[in-house]
Amino acid sequence: MAKLQSFLNGGETIRELMYNSKEAFPTGAAFKVKENGEIKTITFLQMIKDIETLGTELSARGYDGKRMGIIGENSYPWFNCFLSIVCGGNIAVPFDKGLTAEELAQCVDRSDIKVLFYDEKHAELVEKISQQCHQDLDLFRITGADNDLAELKTAGGMKLTAGDRTYLDRPVNRSDLAVFLFTSGTTSTSKVVMLSHDNIATNITDMLSMKIFYPTDVNMAFLPFHHSFGLVGCLVFLSSGAANVFCDGLKYVAKNLEEYGVTVF
């Protein structure tokens, strides 16, 4: 129960919540992912290392204080990008993976992002919108063969080893904006909802004061991360020391529930 109490105490920022989990459950599974058909465990220690190496490289490239977009299917690389952005005091802008090229281009322009992370499935869409947007965008593919994520983290890791603490020492305050979320726009043009670290962290700690999830739990992160429910839901389980897994597709739900030992869905 001592470890459970550590996350029930909560945190004021997303970064604090993630580091609390690393301290309480360093070798516990934060994510379980499939690689070449085999299930691989990503521990909380590895998750924090991935946050720090990617974040350090983003900082070195001059992205501090910038808004950074993400579009793609739910995946560990998606969440690695998200956490590296917000744990460095920057603003993440998750885009609906179902947007058309015209809709995405409009959202990119309106959000004024400087960086866009995208997965392999959205490569063609991103190529189209890069020609339509009014501002220069730095584009990074995060999944598939020869993706950019491994190179970014390797470069960031080398800088960390050399003593670069720019990212690690960057202040993150509870009042800082963390996420810009676009509404679905069912009645008119989509609106941007601005969420601070405090908005999200208090939601997480309030949830954990009502319901205890355990480090032995396994959550299937099924709802899309560009929705607040799916995004904050995954953060709730990470803050509990629980593992998160991903569905291979609608027709594989039953199979995935069994092979990952899912306890929360």
Protein backbone atom coordinates (compact mmCIF):
# COMPACT_ATOMS: atom_id res chain seq x y z
CA MET A 1 0.00 0.00 0.00
CA ALA A 2 2.97 2.35 0.46
CA LYS A 3 3.57 2.45 -3.28
CA LEU A 4 -0.12 2.98 -3.98
CA GLN A 5 -0.10 5.96 -1.65
CA SER A 6 2.70 7.56 -3.67
CA PHE A 7 0.51 8.17 -6.68
CA LEU A 8 -2.58 8.94 -4.64
CA ASN A 9 -0.64 11.98 -3.41
CA GLY A 10 -0.77 13.12 -7.02
CA GLY A 11 1.26 15.84 -8.68
CA GLU A 12 0.82 19.37 -9.98
CA THR A 13 2.06 18.72 -13.52
CA ILE A 14 2.06 15.86 -15.99
CA ARG A 15 5.84 15.69 -15.64
CA GLU A 16 5.63 15.34 -11.88
CA LEU A 17 3.06 12.55 -12.19
CA MET A 18 5.22 10.62 -14.67
CA TYR A 19 8.37 10.96 -12.58
CA ASN A 20 6.45 9.92 -9.46
CA SER A 21 5.50 6.70 -11.23
CA LYS A 22 9.08 6.11 -12.31
CA GLU A 23 10.27 6.46 -8.71
CA ALA A 24 7.54 4.17 -7.34
CA PHE A 25 7.56 1.52 -10.09
CA PRO A 26 10.91 1.80 -11.96
CA THR A 27 10.91 -1.72 -13.41
CA GLY A 28 7.14 -1.97 -13.77
CA ALA A 29 5.55 -2.08 -17.21
CA ALA A 30 4.38 1.32 -18.48
CA PHE A 31 3.54 -0.05 -21.93
CA LYS A 32 3.46 -3.43 -23.62
CA VAL A 33 3.89 -3.33 -27.38
CA LYS A 34 4.25 -5.81 -30.21
CA GLU A 35 7.43 -6.03 -32.25
CA ASN A 36 7.55 -8.65 -35.00
CA GLY A 37 4.70 -10.51 -33.31
CA GLU A 38 6.43 -10.61 -29.91
CA ILE A 39 5.20 -8.64 -26.88
CA LYS A 40 7.86 -6.27 -25.53
CA THR A 41 7.68 -4.49 -22.17
CA ILE A 42 8.62 -0.82 -21.83
CA THR A 43 9.34 -0.07 -18.19
CA PHE A 44 8.78 3.27 -16.48
CA LEU A 45 12.56 3.75 -16.42
CA GLN A 46 12.69 3.25 -20.19
CA MET A 47 9.69 5.54 -20.73
CA ILE A 48 11.40 8.37 -18.82
CA LYS A 49 14.65 7.78 -20.71
CA ASP A 50 12.75 8.02 -24.01
CA ILE A 51 11.07 11.23 -22.82
CA GLU A 52 14.39 12.78 -21.84
CA THR A 53 16.38 11.77 -24.92
CA LEU A 54 13.71 12.94 -27.38
CA GLY A 55 12.99 16.07 -25.37
CA THR A 56 16.68 16.99 -25.19
CA GLU A 57 17.02 16.78 -28.96
CA LEU A 58 13.85 18.82 -29.52
CA SER A 59 15.24 21.47 -27.18
CA ALA A 60 18.60 21.44 -28.99
CA ARG A 61 16.82 22.04 -32.29
CA GLY A 62 15.23 25.21 -30.95
CA TYR A 63 11.69 23.98 -30.34
CA ASP A 64 11.37 25.18 -26.75
CA GLY A 65 8.36 27.44 -26.44
CA LYS A 66 6.89 26.08 -29.68
CA ARG A 67 3.68 24.18 -30.33
CA MET A 68 4.16 20.70 -31.75
CA GLY A 69 1.52 18.60 -33.50
CA ILE A 70 0.99 14.84 -33.54
CA ILE A 71 -1.19 12.77 -35.86
CA GLY A 72 -1.43 9.00 -35.94
CA GLU A 73 -2.91 5.83 -34.53
CA ASN A 74 -2.59 5.13 -30.81
CA SER A 75 0.93 3.82 -30.24
CA TYR A 76 3.90 4.07 -27.91
CA PRO A 77 5.79 6.40 -30.30
CA TRP A 78 2.73 8.71 -30.30
CA PHE A 79 2.74 8.87 -26.51
CA ASN A 80 6.54 9.21 -26.36
CA CYS A 81 6.24 12.35 -28.51
CA PHE A 82 3.37 13.70 -26.44
CA LEU A 83 5.16 13.25 -23.11
CA SER A 84 8.44 14.65 -24.45
CA ILE A 85 6.61 17.78 -25.55
CA VAL A 86 4.58 18.48 -22.42
CA CYS A 87 7.25 17.36 -19.91
CA GLY A 88 9.48 20.03 -21.42
CA GLY A 89 6.96 22.78 -20.80
CA ASN A 90 5.82 22.93 -24.42
CA ILE A 91 2.36 22.58 -25.98
CA ALA A 92 1.23 19.39 -27.72
CA VAL A 93 -1.44 19.61 -30.41
CA PRO A 94 -2.98 16.17 -31.12
CA PHE A 95 -4.87 16.05 -34.42
CA ASP A 96 -7.79 13.77 -35.28
CA LYS A 97 -6.38 10.87 -37.29
CA GLY A 98 -9.51 10.94 -39.46
CA LEU A 99 -9.12 14.52 -40.77
CA THR A 100 -9.07 15.19 -44.49
CA ALA A 101 -6.08 16.97 -46.01
CA GLU A 102 -8.02 20.23 -46.19
CA GLU A 103 -9.19 19.96 -42.57
CA LEU A 104 -5.73 19.07 -41.29
CA ALA A 105 -4.11 21.93 -43.20
CA GLN A 106 -6.60 24.37 -41.64
CA CYS A 107 -5.97 23.01 -38.14
CA VAL A 108 -2.21 23.18 -38.64
CA ASP A 109 -2.44 26.81 -39.71
CA ARG A 110 -4.78 27.74 -36.87
CA SER A 111 -2.66 26.05 -34.20
CA ASP A 112 0.57 27.63 -35.51
CA ILE A 113 2.65 24.52 -34.86
CA LYS A 114 6.31 24.39 -35.88
CA VAL A 115 6.74 20.62 -35.75
CA LEU A 116 4.48 17.76 -36.86
CA PHE A 117 5.03 14.16 -35.79
CA TYR A 118 3.16 11.62 -37.92
CA ASP A 119 2.96 7.85 -38.24
CA GLU A 120 3.49 5.72 -41.31
CA LYS A 121 -0.24 5.50 -42.09
CA HIS A 122 -0.49 9.29 -42.39
CA ALA A 123 2.63 9.88 -44.48
CA GLU A 124 0.70 10.55 -47.69
CA LEU A 125 -1.74 12.88 -45.94
CA VAL A 126 1.08 14.86 -44.32
CA GLU A 127 2.89 15.15 -47.65
CA LYS A 128 -0.26 16.71 -49.12
CA ILE A 129 -0.82 19.23 -46.35
CA SER A 130 2.85 20.27 -46.28
CA GLN A 131 2.20 21.86 -49.66
CA GLN A 132 -0.95 23.66 -48.47
CA CYS A 133 0.10 25.12 -45.11
CA HIS A 134 1.07 28.75 -44.82
CA GLN A 135 4.00 28.20 -42.43
CA ASP A 136 7.15 26.13 -42.63
CA LEU A 137 6.83 22.81 -40.84
CA ASP A 138 9.49 20.41 -39.63
CA LEU A 139 8.14 16.92 -40.23
CA PHE A 140 9.16 13.75 -38.36
CA ARG A 141 7.83 10.27 -39.10
CA ILE A 142 7.58 8.23 -35.90
CA THR A 143 6.74 4.68 -37.07
CA GLY A 144 7.75 2.35 -39.87
CA ALA A 145 11.13 1.49 -41.34
CA ASP A 146 13.74 4.27 -41.21
CA ASN A 147 11.51 6.49 -39.08
CA ASP A 148 12.98 9.66 -37.57
CA LEU A 149 12.27 8.91 -33.90
CA ALA A 150 15.22 6.59 -33.25
CA GLU A 151 17.66 9.10 -34.75
CA LEU A 152 16.22 11.96 -32.69
CA LYS A 153 16.49 9.95 -29.45
CA THR A 154 20.02 8.78 -30.24
CA ALA A 155 21.13 12.36 -30.84
CA GLY A 156 19.40 13.52 -27.67
CA GLY A 157 20.97 10.70 -25.68
CA MET A 158 24.44 11.73 -26.81
CA LYS A 159 23.77 15.30 -25.70
CA LEU A 160 22.53 14.09 -22.31
CA THR A 161 25.66 11.98 -21.86
CA ALA A 162 27.75 15.04 -22.70
CA GLY A 163 26.03 16.95 -19.88
CA ASP A 164 23.29 18.90 -21.70
CA ARG A 165 20.62 19.63 -19.07
CA THR A 166 18.67 22.28 -21.01
CA TYR A 167 15.62 20.05 -21.28
CA LEU A 168 15.92 18.49 -17.82
CA ASP A 169 16.18 21.89 -16.10
CA ARG A 170 13.42 23.59 -18.07
CA PRO A 171 10.73 24.68 -15.56
CA VAL A 172 7.21 23.27 -15.91
CA ASN A 173 4.53 25.00 -13.85
CA ARG A 174 0.99 23.88 -13.07
CA SER A 175 -0.46 26.93 -14.85
CA ASP A 176 1.46 26.25 -18.09
CA LEU A 177 -0.59 25.24 -21.11
CA ALA A 178 0.03 21.60 -22.01
CA VAL A 179 -2.41 20.66 -24.78
CA PHE A 180 -4.46 22.26 -27.54
CA LEU A 181 -7.35 19.95 -28.44
CA PHE A 182 -9.63 20.55 -31.40
CA THR A 183 -13.33 19.83 -30.89
CA SER A 184 -15.13 17.67 -33.45
CA GLY A 185 -16.81 20.71 -35.02
CA THR A 186 -20.24 19.09 -35.26
CA THR A 187 -22.08 22.44 -35.36
CA SER A 188 -19.49 24.69 -37.04
CA THR A 189 -15.73 25.07 -37.42
CA SER A 190 -13.88 23.10 -34.73
CA LYS A 191 -12.81 25.05 -31.65
CA VAL A 192 -9.48 24.86 -29.86
CA VAL A 193 -9.68 23.84 -26.20
CA MET A 194 -6.65 24.92 -24.16
CA LEU A 195 -5.77 22.60 -21.26
CA SER A 196 -3.13 23.40 -18.66
CA HIS A 197 -1.06 20.98 -16.62
CA ASP A 198 -3.31 21.85 -13.69
CA ASN A 199 -6.46 21.01 -15.68
CA ILE A 200 -5.11 17.56 -16.53
CA ALA A 201 -3.20 16.75 -13.31
CA THR A 202 -6.13 17.62 -11.04
CA ASN A 203 -8.43 15.51 -13.23
CA ILE A 204 -6.04 12.57 -12.80
CA THR A 205 -5.64 12.95 -9.03
CA ASP A 206 -9.39 13.41 -8.58
CA MET A 207 -9.98 10.21 -10.54
CA LEU A 208 -7.45 8.32 -8.44
CA SER A 209 -9.08 9.55 -5.24
CA MET A 210 -12.30 7.86 -6.36
CA LYS A 211 -10.97 4.67 -7.89
CA ILE A 212 -7.76 2.76 -7.23
CA PHE A 213 -6.04 1.09 -10.15
CA TYR A 214 -3.14 -1.20 -9.33
CA PRO A 215 0.34 -1.64 -10.79
CA THR A 216 -0.76 -5.15 -11.78
CA ASP A 217 -3.56 -3.73 -13.96
CA VAL A 218 -3.31 -3.72 -17.74
CA ASN A 219 -5.32 -1.10 -19.63
CA MET A 220 -6.20 -1.31 -23.31
CA ALA A 221 -5.73 2.24 -24.61
CA PHE A 222 -8.55 1.99 -27.13
CA LEU A 223 -10.05 5.49 -27.26
CA PRO A 224 -8.12 7.85 -29.58
CA PHE A 225 -5.45 10.02 -27.98
CA HIS A 226 -6.67 13.13 -29.80
CA HIS A 227 -9.73 13.00 -27.50
CA SER A 228 -9.33 14.15 -23.90
CA PHE A 229 -10.94 10.92 -22.61
CA GLY A 230 -8.44 8.66 -24.36
CA LEU A 231 -5.45 10.92 -23.65
CA VAL A 232 -6.12 11.58 -19.97
CA GLY A 233 -7.27 7.99 -19.48
CA CYS A 234 -3.84 6.70 -20.47
CA LEU A 235 -2.22 9.21 -18.12
CA VAL A 236 -4.46 7.97 -15.28
CA PHE A 237 -3.13 4.44 -15.69
CA LEU A 238 0.48 5.58 -16.03
CA SER A 239 0.01 7.58 -12.83
CA SER A 240 -1.18 4.34 -11.19
CA GLY A 241 1.84 2.32 -12.24
CA ALA A 242 -0.37 0.27 -14.57
CA ALA A 243 0.55 -0.96 -18.04
CA ASN A 244 -1.03 0.26 -21.27
CA VAL A 245 -1.45 -1.83 -24.42
CA PHE A 246 -2.83 -1.22 -27.90
CA CYS A 247 -5.40 -3.00 -30.01
CA ASP A 248 -4.33 -4.48 -33.34
CA GLY A 249 -7.73 -3.58 -34.82
CA LEU A 250 -11.43 -4.01 -34.12
CA LYS A 251 -11.53 -7.63 -35.21
CA TYR A 252 -8.62 -8.46 -32.88
CA VAL A 253 -10.08 -7.00 -29.66
CA ALA A 254 -10.97 -10.36 -28.09
CA LYS A 255 -7.58 -11.83 -29.04
CA ASN A 256 -5.68 -8.81 -27.68
CA LEU A 257 -7.63 -8.78 -24.41
CA GLU A 258 -6.49 -12.34 -23.76
CA GLU A 259 -2.87 -12.18 -24.93
CA TYR A 260 -2.06 -8.99 -23.03
CA GLY A 261 -4.01 -10.04 -19.92
CA VAL A 262 -6.10 -6.85 -20.02
CA THR A 263 -7.88 -6.06 -16.74
CA VAL A 264 -9.24 -2.59 -17.60
CA PHE A 265 -11.01 -1.67 -20.83
